[in-house]
């Protein structure tokens, strides 16, 4: 059988749901992670390092997610792409929470 194109394998409804869920909750999620780190780690320096690593990983995964969307829908991005949060906006929010990034 012929190989399937990525757009035939990826369910656009699932991707759209992920995009919208992330767009509506990412900032609250970062704030929650920040509050948890501050309450669970009495050593401020260790807590800040863990927060920095965690938020960096979040940004990395989200960047990969955006790359997958671009590859799957080359040249014809679906309408939900307008809801993607830019990595620059996420990075700015991360810098607010993690000192010395």
N, C-alpha and C. Protein backbone atom coordinates (compact mmCIF):
# COMPACT_ATOMS: atom_id res chain seq x y z
N UNK A 1 0.84 -1.21 0.00
CA UNK A 1 0.00 0.00 0.00
C UNK A 1 0.87 1.25 0.00
N UNK A 2 0.36 2.31 -0.58
CA UNK A 2 1.13 3.56 -0.60
C UNK A 2 1.28 4.14 0.81
N UNK A 3 2.39 4.82 1.02
CA UNK A 3 2.64 5.45 2.32
C UNK A 3 1.64 6.57 2.54
N UNK A 4 1.21 6.71 3.76
CA UNK A 4 0.26 7.78 4.09
C UNK A 4 1.00 9.09 4.31
N UNK A 5 0.42 10.16 3.83
CA UNK A 5 0.98 11.50 4.08
C UNK A 5 0.69 11.86 5.54
N UNK A 6 1.54 12.70 6.16
CA UNK A 6 1.30 13.07 7.56
C UNK A 6 -0.11 13.62 7.80
N UNK A 7 -0.65 14.36 6.84
CA UNK A 7 -1.98 14.95 7.02
C UNK A 7 -3.07 13.86 7.05
N UNK A 8 -2.76 12.67 6.50
CA UNK A 8 -3.72 11.57 6.54
C UNK A 8 -3.68 10.83 7.88
N UNK A 9 -2.61 10.99 8.62
CA UNK A 9 -2.42 10.27 9.88
C UNK A 9 -2.83 11.13 11.07
N UNK A 10 -2.60 12.42 10.99
CA UNK A 10 -2.87 13.34 12.10
C UNK A 10 -4.33 13.80 12.03
N UNK A 11 -5.02 13.65 13.15
CA UNK A 11 -6.42 14.06 13.22
C UNK A 11 -6.49 15.56 13.50
N UNK A 12 -6.96 16.36 12.54
CA UNK A 12 -6.98 17.81 12.73
C UNK A 12 -7.85 18.25 13.90
N UNK A 13 -8.90 17.49 14.21
CA UNK A 13 -9.76 17.86 15.35
C UNK A 13 -9.01 17.73 16.67
N UNK A 14 -8.19 16.70 16.78
CA UNK A 14 -7.39 16.50 18.00
C UNK A 14 -6.35 17.61 18.13
N UNK A 15 -5.69 17.93 17.01
CA UNK A 15 -4.67 18.98 17.03
C UNK A 15 -5.31 20.32 17.38
N UNK A 16 -6.45 20.61 16.78
CA UNK A 16 -7.15 21.86 17.08
C UNK A 16 -7.51 21.94 18.56
N UNK A 17 -7.98 20.84 19.13
CA UNK A 17 -8.32 20.80 20.55
C UNK A 17 -7.08 21.07 21.42
N UNK A 18 -5.95 20.46 21.06
CA UNK A 18 -4.70 20.69 21.79
C UNK A 18 -4.28 22.16 21.71
N UNK A 19 -4.35 22.73 20.52
CA UNK A 19 -3.97 24.13 20.32
C UNK A 19 -4.84 25.03 21.19
N UNK A 20 -6.14 24.81 21.15
CA UNK A 20 -7.06 25.67 21.91
C UNK A 20 -6.91 25.48 23.42
N UNK A 21 -6.73 24.22 23.85
CA UNK A 21 -6.53 23.98 25.29
C UNK A 21 -5.26 24.66 25.79
N UNK A 22 -4.17 24.53 25.02
CA UNK A 22 -2.92 25.16 25.43
C UNK A 22 -3.07 26.68 25.46
N UNK A 23 -3.68 27.24 24.41
CA UNK A 23 -3.84 28.69 24.32
C UNK A 23 -4.64 29.25 25.50
N UNK A 24 -5.60 28.47 25.99
CA UNK A 24 -6.44 28.97 27.08
C UNK A 24 -5.86 28.73 28.47
N UNK A 25 -4.86 27.83 28.58
CA UNK A 25 -4.42 27.48 29.94
C UNK A 25 -2.92 27.58 30.19
N UNK A 26 -2.12 27.92 29.18
CA UNK A 26 -0.67 27.86 29.37
C UNK A 26 -0.17 28.82 30.44
N UNK A 27 -0.71 30.03 30.47
CA UNK A 27 -0.21 31.03 31.42
C UNK A 27 -0.55 30.62 32.86
N UNK A 28 -1.76 30.14 33.07
CA UNK A 28 -2.16 29.65 34.38
C UNK A 28 -1.30 28.46 34.79
N UNK A 29 -0.99 27.60 33.83
CA UNK A 29 -0.13 26.45 34.10
C UNK A 29 1.25 26.85 34.57
N UNK A 30 1.83 27.84 33.92
CA UNK A 30 3.15 28.33 34.32
C UNK A 30 3.09 28.93 35.72
N UNK A 31 2.04 29.69 36.01
CA UNK A 31 1.89 30.27 37.35
C UNK A 31 1.76 29.18 38.41
N UNK A 32 1.02 28.12 38.07
CA UNK A 32 0.84 27.00 39.01
C UNK A 32 2.16 26.28 39.25
N UNK A 33 2.91 26.04 38.19
CA UNK A 33 4.23 25.40 38.34
C UNK A 33 5.11 26.26 39.23
N UNK A 34 5.11 27.56 38.99
CA UNK A 34 5.92 28.49 39.79
C UNK A 34 5.53 28.42 41.27
N UNK A 35 4.24 28.47 41.56
CA UNK A 35 3.78 28.41 42.95
C UNK A 35 4.16 27.08 43.60
N UNK A 36 4.03 25.97 42.86
CA UNK A 36 4.38 24.67 43.41
C UNK A 36 5.87 24.57 43.73
N UNK A 37 6.70 25.04 42.82
CA UNK A 37 8.14 25.00 43.05
C UNK A 37 8.50 25.82 44.28
N UNK A 38 7.92 27.00 44.39
CA UNK A 38 8.22 27.85 45.55
C UNK A 38 7.76 27.22 46.86
N UNK A 39 6.66 26.49 46.84
CA UNK A 39 6.18 25.90 48.09
C UNK A 39 6.86 24.57 48.42
N UNK A 40 7.32 23.83 47.41
CA UNK A 40 7.91 22.51 47.67
C UNK A 40 9.42 22.54 47.87
N UNK A 41 10.08 23.62 47.46
CA UNK A 41 11.54 23.66 47.57
C UNK A 41 11.96 24.83 48.46
N UNK A 42 12.45 24.49 49.64
CA UNK A 42 12.83 25.53 50.59
C UNK A 42 14.12 26.22 50.16
N UNK A 43 14.98 25.50 49.42
CA UNK A 43 16.19 26.11 48.90
C UNK A 43 15.82 26.88 47.63
N UNK A 44 15.81 28.20 47.75
CA UNK A 44 15.35 29.05 46.64
C UNK A 44 16.15 28.81 45.37
N UNK A 45 17.47 28.70 45.50
CA UNK A 45 18.32 28.52 44.31
C UNK A 45 17.99 27.21 43.60
N UNK A 46 17.84 26.12 44.36
CA UNK A 46 17.47 24.83 43.76
C UNK A 46 16.10 24.93 43.09
N UNK A 47 15.16 25.58 43.77
CA UNK A 47 13.82 25.75 43.22
C UNK A 47 13.83 26.52 41.92
N UNK A 48 14.62 27.59 41.88
CA UNK A 48 14.69 28.40 40.65
C UNK A 48 15.33 27.61 39.51
N UNK A 49 16.32 26.80 39.83
CA UNK A 49 16.98 25.98 38.80
C UNK A 49 15.99 24.95 38.25
N UNK A 50 15.25 24.32 39.14
CA UNK A 50 14.25 23.34 38.71
C UNK A 50 13.16 24.03 37.87
N UNK A 51 12.72 25.18 38.31
CA UNK A 51 11.70 25.93 37.57
C UNK A 51 12.21 26.27 36.18
N UNK A 52 13.44 26.74 36.11
CA UNK A 52 14.04 27.10 34.83
C UNK A 52 14.09 25.90 33.89
N UNK A 53 14.53 24.76 34.41
CA UNK A 53 14.63 23.55 33.59
C UNK A 53 13.24 23.07 33.14
N UNK A 54 12.28 23.13 34.04
CA UNK A 54 10.92 22.68 33.72
C UNK A 54 10.29 23.55 32.64
N UNK A 55 10.40 24.86 32.81
CA UNK A 55 9.78 25.78 31.84
C UNK A 55 10.51 25.74 30.50
N UNK A 56 11.81 25.52 30.53
CA UNK A 56 12.58 25.37 29.29
C UNK A 56 12.10 24.12 28.55
N UNK A 57 11.87 23.05 29.28
CA UNK A 57 11.37 21.81 28.66
C UNK A 57 9.98 22.02 28.07
N UNK A 58 9.14 22.74 28.79
CA UNK A 58 7.80 23.06 28.26
C UNK A 58 7.91 23.79 26.93
N UNK A 59 8.78 24.79 26.88
CA UNK A 59 8.96 25.57 25.65
C UNK A 59 9.49 24.69 24.53
N UNK A 60 10.39 23.78 24.86
CA UNK A 60 10.95 22.87 23.86
C UNK A 60 9.86 21.97 23.27
N UNK A 61 9.03 21.38 24.13
CA UNK A 61 7.96 20.51 23.65
C UNK A 61 6.95 21.30 22.81
N UNK A 62 6.64 22.50 23.23
CA UNK A 62 5.67 23.30 22.48
C UNK A 62 6.24 23.69 21.12
N UNK A 63 7.52 23.99 21.06
CA UNK A 63 8.18 24.31 19.79
C UNK A 63 8.12 23.10 18.86
N UNK A 64 8.37 21.91 19.40
CA UNK A 64 8.27 20.69 18.59
C UNK A 64 6.85 20.49 18.07
N UNK A 65 5.87 20.75 18.92
CA UNK A 65 4.47 20.64 18.52
C UNK A 65 4.18 21.58 17.34
N UNK A 66 4.64 22.83 17.43
CA UNK A 66 4.45 23.78 16.33
C UNK A 66 5.15 23.29 15.06
N UNK A 67 6.34 22.73 15.19
CA UNK A 67 7.07 22.20 14.03
C UNK A 67 6.29 21.07 13.36
N UNK A 68 5.69 20.21 14.16
CA UNK A 68 4.89 19.11 13.60
C UNK A 68 3.71 19.67 12.82
N UNK A 69 3.05 20.66 13.37
CA UNK A 69 1.91 21.27 12.68
C UNK A 69 2.37 21.85 11.34
N UNK A 70 3.50 22.54 11.34
CA UNK A 70 4.01 23.13 10.08
C UNK A 70 4.33 22.04 9.05
N UNK A 71 4.92 20.93 9.50
CA UNK A 71 5.27 19.85 8.58
C UNK A 71 4.04 19.15 8.04
N UNK A 72 3.05 18.94 8.89
CA UNK A 72 1.86 18.21 8.46
C UNK A 72 1.05 19.04 7.46
N UNK A 73 0.91 20.32 7.73
CA UNK A 73 0.10 21.18 6.86
C UNK A 73 0.97 22.20 6.14
N UNK A 74 1.96 21.72 5.43
CA UNK A 74 2.88 22.59 4.68
C UNK A 74 2.10 23.51 3.75
N UNK A 75 2.33 24.79 3.89
CA UNK A 75 1.75 25.76 2.97
C UNK A 75 0.26 25.98 3.09
N UNK A 76 -0.45 25.10 3.80
CA UNK A 76 -1.90 25.25 3.97
C UNK A 76 -2.25 25.10 5.44
N UNK A 77 -1.84 26.06 6.27
CA UNK A 77 -2.12 25.92 7.70
C UNK A 77 -3.62 25.99 7.98
N UNK A 78 -4.13 25.12 8.83
CA UNK A 78 -5.54 25.16 9.20
C UNK A 78 -5.87 26.46 9.95
N UNK A 79 -7.14 26.79 10.01
CA UNK A 79 -7.56 28.04 10.65
C UNK A 79 -7.17 28.10 12.12
N UNK A 80 -7.07 26.95 12.79
CA UNK A 80 -6.74 26.99 14.22
C UNK A 80 -5.30 27.44 14.48
N UNK A 81 -4.48 27.54 13.44
CA UNK A 81 -3.10 28.00 13.63
C UNK A 81 -3.05 29.43 14.16
N UNK A 82 -4.11 30.19 13.93
CA UNK A 82 -4.17 31.56 14.45
C UNK A 82 -4.20 31.56 15.98
N UNK A 83 -4.57 30.43 16.58
CA UNK A 83 -4.63 30.33 18.03
C UNK A 83 -3.32 29.87 18.66
N UNK A 84 -2.32 29.52 17.85
CA UNK A 84 -1.03 29.11 18.40
C UNK A 84 -0.40 30.28 19.16
N UNK A 85 0.10 30.00 20.34
CA UNK A 85 0.79 31.02 21.14
C UNK A 85 2.22 31.09 20.63
N UNK A 86 2.70 32.29 20.37
CA UNK A 86 4.07 32.40 19.86
C UNK A 86 5.07 32.03 20.95
N UNK A 87 6.17 31.42 20.52
CA UNK A 87 7.19 31.04 21.49
C UNK A 87 7.80 32.26 22.17
N UNK A 88 7.82 33.39 21.48
CA UNK A 88 8.35 34.63 22.08
C UNK A 88 7.50 35.06 23.27
N UNK A 89 6.19 34.91 23.15
CA UNK A 89 5.28 35.27 24.24
C UNK A 89 5.48 34.33 25.43
N UNK A 90 5.63 33.04 25.14
CA UNK A 90 5.86 32.07 26.21
C UNK A 90 7.20 32.35 26.89
N UNK A 91 8.22 32.62 26.10
CA UNK A 91 9.54 32.91 26.66
C UNK A 91 9.50 34.15 27.55
N UNK A 92 8.77 35.17 27.14
CA UNK A 92 8.65 36.39 27.95
C UNK A 92 7.99 36.06 29.30
N UNK A 93 6.99 35.20 29.28
CA UNK A 93 6.31 34.82 30.53
C UNK A 93 7.24 33.97 31.40
N UNK A 94 8.00 33.10 30.79
CA UNK A 94 8.95 32.28 31.54
C UNK A 94 9.98 33.18 32.24
N UNK A 95 10.45 34.19 31.52
CA UNK A 95 11.45 35.10 32.11
C UNK A 95 10.89 35.85 33.30
N UNK A 96 9.59 36.10 33.32
CA UNK A 96 8.97 36.77 34.47
C UNK A 96 9.06 35.89 35.71
N UNK A 97 8.96 34.57 35.52
CA UNK A 97 8.89 33.66 36.66
C UNK A 97 10.24 33.10 37.07
N UNK A 98 11.08 32.78 36.10
CA UNK A 98 12.36 32.17 36.42
C UNK A 98 13.45 33.22 36.34
N UNK A 99 13.93 33.61 37.48
CA UNK A 99 14.97 34.65 37.52
C UNK A 99 16.23 34.15 36.85
N UNK A 100 16.94 35.03 36.22
CA UNK A 100 18.23 34.77 35.60
C UNK A 100 18.22 33.72 34.48
N UNK A 101 17.14 33.65 33.74
CA UNK A 101 17.15 32.76 32.55
C UNK A 101 17.84 33.51 31.45
